[in-house]
C-alpha atoms as a PDB file:
ATOM      1  CA  UNK A   1     133.202 142.318 115.354  1.00  0.00           C
ATOM      2  CA  UNK A   2     129.626 141.225 115.708  1.00  0.00           C
ATOM      3  CA  UNK A   3     128.576 137.912 114.193  1.00  0.00           C
ATOM      4  CA  UNK A   4     125.119 137.047 112.907  1.00  0.00           C
ATOM      5  CA  UNK A   5     123.812 133.522 113.310  1.00  0.00           C
ATOM      6  CA  UNK A   6     122.725 131.831 110.119  1.00  0.00           C
ATOM      7  CA  UNK A   7     119.091 130.809 110.540  1.00  0.00           C
ATOM      8  CA  UNK A   8     117.697 128.540 107.803  1.00  0.00           C
ATOM      9  CA  UNK A   9     114.513 129.751 106.127  1.00  0.00           C
ATOM     10  CA  UNK A  10     113.046 126.241 106.173  1.00  0.00           C
ATOM     11  CA  UNK A  11     113.498 123.556 108.794  1.00  0.00           C
ATOM     12  CA  UNK A  12     114.974 120.379 107.363  1.00  0.00           C
ATOM     13  CA  UNK A  13     112.462 117.513 107.444  1.00  0.00           C
ATOM     14  CA  UNK A  14     113.213 114.812 109.994  1.00  0.00           C
ATOM     15  CA  UNK A  15     114.753 111.656 108.533  1.00  0.00           C
ATOM     16  CA  UNK A  16     112.312 108.882 107.679  1.00  0.00           C
ATOM     17  CA  UNK A  17     112.139 106.392 110.515  1.00  0.00           C
ATOM     18  CA  UNK A  18     112.411 102.781 109.500  1.00  0.00           C
ATOM     19  CA  UNK A  19     109.125 101.044 110.212  1.00  0.00           C
ATOM     20  CA  UNK A  20     110.206  97.585 109.097  1.00  0.00           C
ATOM     21  CA  UNK A  21     113.139  95.224 109.012  1.00  0.00           C
ATOM     22  CA  UNK A  22     113.247  93.927 105.406  1.00  0.00           C
ATOM     23  CA  UNK A  23     115.063  90.937 103.951  1.00  0.00           C
ATOM     24  CA  UNK A  24     114.630  89.523 100.446  1.00  0.00           C
ATOM     25  CA  UNK A  25     116.230  86.681  98.502  1.00  0.00           C
ATOM     26  CA  UNK A  26     115.549  85.687  94.878  1.00  0.00           C
ATOM     27  CA  UNK A  27     117.052  82.634  93.176  1.00  0.00           C
ATOM     28  CA  UNK A  28     116.398  81.871  89.492  1.00  0.00           C
ATOM     29  CA  UNK A  29     115.821  78.263  88.447  1.00  0.00           C
ATOM     30  CA  UNK A  30     117.866  78.933  85.308  1.00  0.00           C
ATOM     31  CA  UNK A  31     119.910  81.869  84.026  1.00  0.00           C
ATOM     32  CA  UNK A  32     116.875  84.166  84.097  1.00  0.00           C
ATOM     33  CA  UNK A  33     113.988  84.565  86.531  1.00  0.00           C
ATOM     34  CA  UNK A  34     110.277  85.238  86.122  1.00  0.00           C
ATOM     35  CA  UNK A  35     109.882  86.396  89.730  1.00  0.00           C
ATOM     36  CA  UNK A  36     109.809  90.063  90.704  1.00  0.00           C
ATOM     37  CA  UNK A  37     109.548  92.107  93.888  1.00  0.00           C
ATOM     38  CA  UNK A  38     109.668  95.752  94.944  1.00  0.00           C
ATOM     39  CA  UNK A  39     109.514  97.984  98.039  1.00  0.00           C
ATOM     40  CA  UNK A  40     108.936 101.729  98.253  1.00  0.00           C
ATOM     41  CA  UNK A  41     108.688 104.043 101.283  1.00  0.00           C
ATOM     42  CA  UNK A  42     106.298 106.983 100.905  1.00  0.00           C
ATOM     43  CA  UNK A  43     105.066 109.252 103.751  1.00  0.00           C
ATOM     44  CA  UNK A  44     103.794 107.063 106.613  1.00  0.00           C
ATOM     45  CA  UNK A  45     103.815 103.717 104.854  1.00  0.00           C
ATOM     46  CA  UNK A  46     106.024 101.117 103.219  1.00  0.00           C
ATOM     47  CA  UNK A  47     104.671  99.726  99.959  1.00  0.00           C
ATOM     48  CA  UNK A  48     105.671  96.242  98.823  1.00  0.00           C
ATOM     49  CA  UNK A  49     104.981  93.827  95.993  1.00  0.00           C
ATOM     50  CA  UNK A  50     105.939  90.351  94.869  1.00  0.00           C
ATOM     51  CA  UNK A  51     104.927  88.414  91.779  1.00  0.00           C
ATOM     52  CA  UNK A  52     105.550  85.543  89.452  1.00  0.00           C
ATOM     53  CA  UNK A  53     105.136  85.281  85.659  1.00  0.00           C
ATOM     54  CA  UNK A  54     103.765  81.986  84.343  1.00  0.00           C
ATOM     55  CA  UNK A  55     106.556  79.961  82.759  1.00  0.00           C
ATOM     56  CA  UNK A  56     110.341  79.820  83.052  1.00  0.00           C
ATOM     57  CA  UNK A  57     113.434  80.970  81.226  1.00  0.00           C
ATOM     58  CA  UNK A  58     114.062  83.920  78.923  1.00  0.00           C
ATOM     59  CA  UNK A  59     110.445  84.461  77.814  1.00  0.00           C
ATOM     60  CA  UNK A  60     109.206  84.677  81.410  1.00  0.00           C
ATOM     61  CA  UNK A  61     112.155  86.936  82.272  1.00  0.00           C
ATOM     62  CA  UNK A  62     111.295  89.358  79.444  1.00  0.00           C
ATOM     63  CA  UNK A  63     107.709  89.605  80.694  1.00  0.00           C
ATOM     64  CA  UNK A  64     108.999  89.996  84.253  1.00  0.00           C
ATOM     65  CA  UNK A  65     111.247  92.900  83.253  1.00  0.00           C
ATOM     66  CA  UNK A  66     108.294  94.637  81.613  1.00  0.00           C
ATOM     67  CA  UNK A  67     106.129  94.093  84.686  1.00  0.00           C
ATOM     68  CA  UNK A  68     108.877  95.185  87.095  1.00  0.00           C
ATOM     69  CA  UNK A  69     109.281  98.544  85.387  1.00  0.00           C
ATOM     70  CA  UNK A  70     105.549  99.192  85.208  1.00  0.00           C
ATOM     71  CA  UNK A  71     105.008  97.960  88.760  1.00  0.00           C
ATOM     72  CA  UNK A  72     107.541 100.428  90.119  1.00  0.00           C
ATOM     73  CA  UNK A  73     105.882 103.234  88.165  1.00  0.00           C
ATOM     74  CA  UNK A  74     102.362 102.285  89.301  1.00  0.00           C
ATOM     75  CA  UNK A  75     103.306 101.871  92.952  1.00  0.00           C
ATOM     76  CA  UNK A  76     105.242 105.117  93.220  1.00  0.00           C
ATOM     77  CA  UNK A  77     102.422 107.076  91.565  1.00  0.00           C
ATOM     78  CA  UNK A  78      99.740 105.386  93.681  1.00  0.00           C
ATOM     79  CA  UNK A  79     101.801 105.819  96.852  1.00  0.00           C
ATOM     80  CA  UNK A  80     101.877 109.575  96.276  1.00  0.00           C
ATOM     81  CA  UNK A  81      98.056 109.646  96.361  1.00  0.00           C
ATOM     82  CA  UNK A  82      97.730 106.901  99.022  1.00  0.00           C
ATOM     83  CA  UNK A  83      95.346 104.857  96.891  1.00  0.00           C
ATOM     84  CA  UNK A  84      94.192 101.359  97.772  1.00  0.00           C
ATOM     85  CA  UNK A  85      96.406  98.427  96.690  1.00  0.00           C
ATOM     86  CA  UNK A  86      93.460  96.920  94.797  1.00  0.00           C
ATOM     87  CA  UNK A  87      93.347 100.053  92.616  1.00  0.00           C
ATOM     88  CA  UNK A  88      97.074  99.696  91.958  1.00  0.00           C
ATOM     89  CA  UNK A  89      96.485  96.067  90.955  1.00  0.00           C
ATOM     90  CA  UNK A  90      93.785  97.060  88.471  1.00  0.00           C
ATOM     91  CA  UNK A  91      96.060  99.681  86.913  1.00  0.00           C
ATOM     92  CA  UNK A  92      98.836  97.105  86.541  1.00  0.00           C
ATOM     93  CA  UNK A  93      96.406  94.629  84.961  1.00  0.00           C
ATOM     94  CA  UNK A  94      95.097  97.276  82.539  1.00  0.00           C
ATOM     95  CA  UNK A  95      98.660  97.866  81.359  1.00  0.00           C
ATOM     96  CA  UNK A  96      99.474  94.152  81.077  1.00  0.00           C
ATOM     97  CA  UNK A  97      96.422  92.667  79.388  1.00  0.00           C
ATOM     98  CA  UNK A  98      96.945  93.994  75.840  1.00  0.00           C
ATOM     99  CA  UNK A  99     100.664  93.195  75.992  1.00  0.00           C
ATOM    100  CA  UNK A 100     100.745  89.648  77.358  1.00  0.00           C
ATOM    101  CA  UNK A 101     100.432  86.580  75.091  1.00  0.00           C
ATOM    102  CA  UNK A 102      97.167  84.692  75.583  1.00  0.00           C
ATOM    103  CA  UNK A 103      98.959  81.931  77.491  1.00  0.00           C
ATOM    104  CA  UNK A 104     100.749  84.286  79.898  1.00  0.00           C
ATOM    105  CA  UNK A 105      99.611  85.794  83.171  1.00  0.00           C
ATOM    106  CA  UNK A 106     101.108  86.982  86.437  1.00  0.00           C
ATOM    107  CA  UNK A 107     100.285  86.340  90.063  1.00  0.00           C
ATOM    108  CA  UNK A 108     100.900  89.449  92.144  1.00  0.00           C
ATOM    109  CA  UNK A 109     100.662  90.736  95.710  1.00  0.00           C
ATOM    110  CA  UNK A 110     100.604  94.496  96.316  1.00  0.00           C
ATOM    111  CA  UNK A 111     100.233  96.085  99.746  1.00  0.00           C
ATOM    112  CA  UNK A 112     101.463  98.572 102.275  1.00  0.00           C
ATOM    113  CA  UNK A 113     102.422  98.623 105.938  1.00  0.00           C
ATOM    114  CA  UNK A 114     101.666 101.873 107.763  1.00  0.00           C
ATOM    115  CA  UNK A 115     103.650 103.314 110.673  1.00  0.00           C
ATOM    116  CA  UNK A 116     100.873 102.372 113.096  1.00  0.00           C
ATOM    117  CA  UNK A 117     100.998  98.707 112.041  1.00  0.00           C
ATOM    118  CA  UNK A 118      97.979  98.695 109.722  1.00  0.00           C
ATOM    119  CA  UNK A 119      98.592  96.278 106.853  1.00  0.00           C
ATOM    120  CA  UNK A 120      96.503  96.514 103.665  1.00  0.00           C
ATOM    121  CA  UNK A 121      97.029  93.965 100.923  1.00  0.00           C
ATOM    122  CA  UNK A 122      95.594  92.839  97.556  1.00  0.00           C
ATOM    123  CA  UNK A 123      96.419  89.397  96.186  1.00  0.00           C
ATOM    124  CA  UNK A 124      95.964  88.473  92.511  1.00  0.00           C
ATOM    125  CA  UNK A 125      96.056  84.680  92.688  1.00  0.00           C
ATOM    126  CA  UNK A 126      99.484  84.542  94.350  1.00  0.00           C
ATOM    127  CA  UNK A 127     100.656  82.191  97.108  1.00  0.00           C
ATOM    128  CA  UNK A 128      99.046  83.130 100.444  1.00  0.00           C
ATOM    129  CA  UNK A 129     101.283  85.536 102.412  1.00  0.00           C
ATOM    130  CA  UNK A 130     101.898  84.433 105.994  1.00  0.00           C
ATOM    131  CA  UNK A 131     101.719  86.671 109.052  1.00  0.00           C
ATOM    132  CA  UNK A 132     104.035  85.481 111.821  1.00  0.00           C
ATOM    133  CA  UNK A 133     102.737  86.684 115.191  1.00  0.00           C
ATOM    134  CA  UNK A 134     104.876  87.289 118.285  1.00  0.00           C
ATOM    135  CA  UNK A 135     102.839  84.546 119.969  1.00  0.00           C
ATOM    136  CA  UNK A 136     104.197  82.066 117.436  1.00  0.00           C
ATOM    137  CA  UNK A 137     100.858  81.795 115.623  1.00  0.00           C
ATOM    138  CA  UNK A 138     100.875  81.962 111.826  1.00  0.00           C
ATOM    139  CA  UNK A 139      98.017  83.323 109.715  1.00  0.00           C
ATOM    140  CA  UNK A 140      97.427  82.784 105.979  1.00  0.00           C
ATOM    141  CA  UNK A 141      96.121  85.673 103.885  1.00  0.00           C
ATOM    142  CA  UNK A 142      93.913  84.404 101.073  1.00  0.00           C
ATOM    143  CA  UNK A 143      93.749  85.659  97.498  1.00  0.00           C
ATOM    144  CA  UNK A 144      91.486  88.671  96.959  1.00  0.00           C
ATOM    145  CA  UNK A 145      90.987  88.330  93.211  1.00  0.00           C
ATOM    146  CA  UNK A 146      92.053  86.560  89.984  1.00  0.00           C
ATOM    147  CA  UNK A 147      95.490  86.455  88.393  1.00  0.00           C
ATOM    148  CA  UNK A 148      96.528  89.570  86.470  1.00  0.00           C
ATOM    149  CA  UNK A 149      96.661  89.962  82.718  1.00  0.00           C
ATOM    150  CA  UNK A 150      93.847  87.695  81.504  1.00  0.00           C
ATOM    151  CA  UNK A 151      90.242  88.643  82.338  1.00  0.00           C
ATOM    152  CA  UNK A 152      88.382  91.450  80.584  1.00  0.00           C
ATOM    153  CA  UNK A 153      86.770  92.921  83.705  1.00  0.00           C
ATOM    154  CA  UNK A 154      88.513  91.535  86.792  1.00  0.00           C
ATOM    155  CA  UNK A 155      87.916  92.844  90.282  1.00  0.00           C
ATOM    156  CA  UNK A 156      90.201  92.852  93.297  1.00  0.00           C
ATOM    157  CA  UNK A 157      89.564  93.807  96.880  1.00  0.00           C
ATOM    158  CA  UNK A 158      92.012  94.560  99.677  1.00  0.00           C
ATOM    159  CA  UNK A 159      92.099  92.956 103.115  1.00  0.00           C
ATOM    160  CA  UNK A 160      93.227  94.857 106.210  1.00  0.00           C
ATOM    161  CA  UNK A 161      95.187  93.429 109.139  1.00  0.00           C
ATOM    162  CA  UNK A 162      97.431  94.688 111.923  1.00  0.00           C
ATOM    163  CA  UNK A 163     101.027  93.906 112.804  1.00  0.00           C
ATOM    164  CA  UNK A 164     102.226  94.506 116.342  1.00  0.00           C
ATOM    165  CA  UNK A 165     105.873  95.375 116.820  1.00  0.00           C
ATOM    166  CA  UNK A 166     108.005  92.319 116.173  1.00  0.00           C
ATOM    167  CA  UNK A 167     105.421  90.679 113.913  1.00  0.00           C
ATOM    168  CA  UNK A 168     106.150  89.959 110.264  1.00  0.00           C
ATOM    169  CA  UNK A 169     104.625  89.199 106.906  1.00  0.00           C
ATOM    170  CA  UNK A 170     106.350  86.569 104.761  1.00  0.00           C
ATOM    171  CA  UNK A 171     105.851  86.752 100.984  1.00  0.00           C
ATOM    172  CA  UNK A 172     107.148  84.048  98.645  1.00  0.00           C
ATOM    173  CA  UNK A 173     106.804  82.591  95.151  1.00  0.00           C
ATOM    174  CA  UNK A 174     105.466  79.140  94.346  1.00  0.00           C
ATOM    175  CA  UNK A 175     108.971  77.831  93.656  1.00  0.00           C
ATOM    176  CA  UNK A 176     109.365  77.556  97.430  1.00  0.00           C
ATOM    177  CA  UNK A 177     106.227  75.606  98.295  1.00  0.00           C
ATOM    178  CA  UNK A 178     106.464  73.451  95.142  1.00  0.00           C
ATOM    179  CA  UNK A 179     109.961  72.254  96.035  1.00  0.00           C
ATOM    180  CA  UNK A 180     109.985  68.481  96.482  1.00  0.00           C
ATOM    181  CA  UNK A 181     111.563  65.742  98.565  1.00  0.00           C
ATOM    182  CA  UNK A 182     110.758  62.056  98.043  1.00  0.00           C
ATOM    183  CA  UNK A 183     108.064  63.044  95.578  1.00  0.00           C
ATOM    184  CA  UNK A 184     106.189  65.290  98.024  1.00  0.00           C
ATOM    185  CA  UNK A 185     105.819  69.065  97.820  1.00  0.00           C
ATOM    186  CA  UNK A 186     106.744  71.244 100.775  1.00  0.00           C
ATOM    187  CA  UNK A 187     103.403  73.041 100.537  1.00  0.00           C
ATOM    188  CA  UNK A 188     102.124  75.905 102.638  1.00  0.00           C
ATOM    189  CA  UNK A 189     101.787  73.610 105.665  1.00  0.00           C
ATOM    190  CA  UNK A 190     105.466  72.665 105.470  1.00  0.00           C
ATOM    191  CA  UNK A 191     106.432  76.316 105.224  1.00  0.00           C
ATOM    192  CA  UNK A 192     104.244  77.194 108.204  1.00  0.00           C
ATOM    193  CA  UNK A 193     106.018  74.511 110.244  1.00  0.00           C
ATOM    194  CA  UNK A 194     109.404  75.948 109.255  1.00  0.00           C
ATOM    195  CA  UNK A 195     108.406  79.475 110.307  1.00  0.00           C
ATOM    196  CA  UNK A 196     106.923  78.495 113.642  1.00  0.00           C
ATOM    197  CA  UNK A 197     108.738  80.307 116.420  1.00  0.00           C
ATOM    198  CA  UNK A 198     108.960  83.634 118.180  1.00  0.00           C
ATOM    199  CA  UNK A 199     111.070  86.811 118.056  1.00  0.00           C
ATOM    200  CA  UNK A 200     112.924  86.175 114.788  1.00  0.00           C
ATOM    201  CA  UNK A 201     114.430  88.900 112.615  1.00  0.00           C
ATOM    202  CA  UNK A 202     113.466  89.305 108.958  1.00  0.00           C
ATOM    203  CA  UNK A 203     116.743  87.645 107.954  1.00  0.00           C
ATOM    204  CA  UNK A 204     116.114  84.710 110.289  1.00  0.00           C
ATOM    205  CA  UNK A 205     112.593  84.209 108.950  1.00  0.00           C
ATOM    206  CA  UNK A 206     113.850  84.318 105.366  1.00  0.00           C
ATOM    207  CA  UNK A 207     116.603  81.847 106.275  1.00  0.00           C
ATOM    208  CA  UNK A 208     114.032  79.510 107.838  1.00  0.00           C
ATOM    209  CA  UNK A 209     111.903  79.733 104.696  1.00  0.00           C
ATOM    210  CA  UNK A 210     114.835  79.059 102.361  1.00  0.00           C
ATOM    211  CA  UNK A 211     116.088  76.282 104.608  1.00  0.00           C
ATOM    212  CA  UNK A 212     112.758  74.498 104.224  1.00  0.00           C
ATOM    213  CA  UNK A 213     113.132  74.329 100.423  1.00  0.00           C
ATOM    214  CA  UNK A 214     113.848  70.886  99.077  1.00  0.00           C
ATOM    215  CA  UNK A 215     114.623  70.039  95.426  1.00  0.00           C
ATOM    216  CA  UNK A 216     113.769  73.300  93.635  1.00  0.00           C
ATOM    217  CA  UNK A 217     112.818  73.296  89.944  1.00  0.00           C
ATOM    218  CA  UNK A 218     111.336  76.797  89.708  1.00  0.00           C
ATOM    219  CA  UNK A 219     112.308  80.392  90.433  1.00  0.00           C
ATOM    220  CA  UNK A 220     112.247  81.046  94.175  1.00  0.00           C
ATOM    221  CA  UNK A 221     111.764  84.377  95.931  1.00  0.00           C
ATOM    222  CA  UNK A 222     111.189  85.226  99.588  1.00  0.00           C
ATOM    223  CA  UNK A 223     110.491  88.719 100.934  1.00  0.00           C
ATOM    224  CA  UNK A 224     110.053  89.318 104.677  1.00  0.00           C
ATOM    225  CA  UNK A 225     108.865  92.551 106.304  1.00  0.00           C
ATOM    226  CA  UNK A 226     109.011  92.620 110.085  1.00  0.00           C
ATOM    227  CA  UNK A 227     107.542  95.614 111.902  1.00  0.00           C
ATOM    228  CA  UNK A 228     110.080  97.371 114.132  1.00  0.00           C
END
């Protein structure tokens, strides 16, 4: 009996290759947290975001939950069209402004890492992300616009960088750098000192960051993306 080979009409797409080693940790100061973060892989890039709602406790957590849901929606829709992170930030702000109380705002970072190592990032008044180079050097990425949810006509820009293989970007909330010991804050300089080193995994970098925290009175979140 003759047999006929089954030939699929369409070739199955190759599996998505991981472009980054990711590790994230979030610790609430109380029962609820006002911090939020998100990652999403689309086509040739990995989108990421981190943010912090002003305040603590249940009220901040309710605002955070609202932002988290909208952030995921905005990023996934923008990722499909490969828009600039600054445009995503503006869309998030436009959603938030009529909903937030006058005394509430959010600091947010939105960006993406492409397969070729190109990193594009918009920062709405959040703590400066840190790039950890394979040489051991550490670079701070400044804010590219105001906090989200307050101004009538805010503007954000995006900055572009490059990560070689083995290099990482460390994102964190202010609960980390505002942690105290003997009355002194850790600060960005203290965090830079803790991250100084070479050839660390995302988990090791996050562990270094968390290990540098002193007495913590605020929500604390660390997200590390290391390019494979």
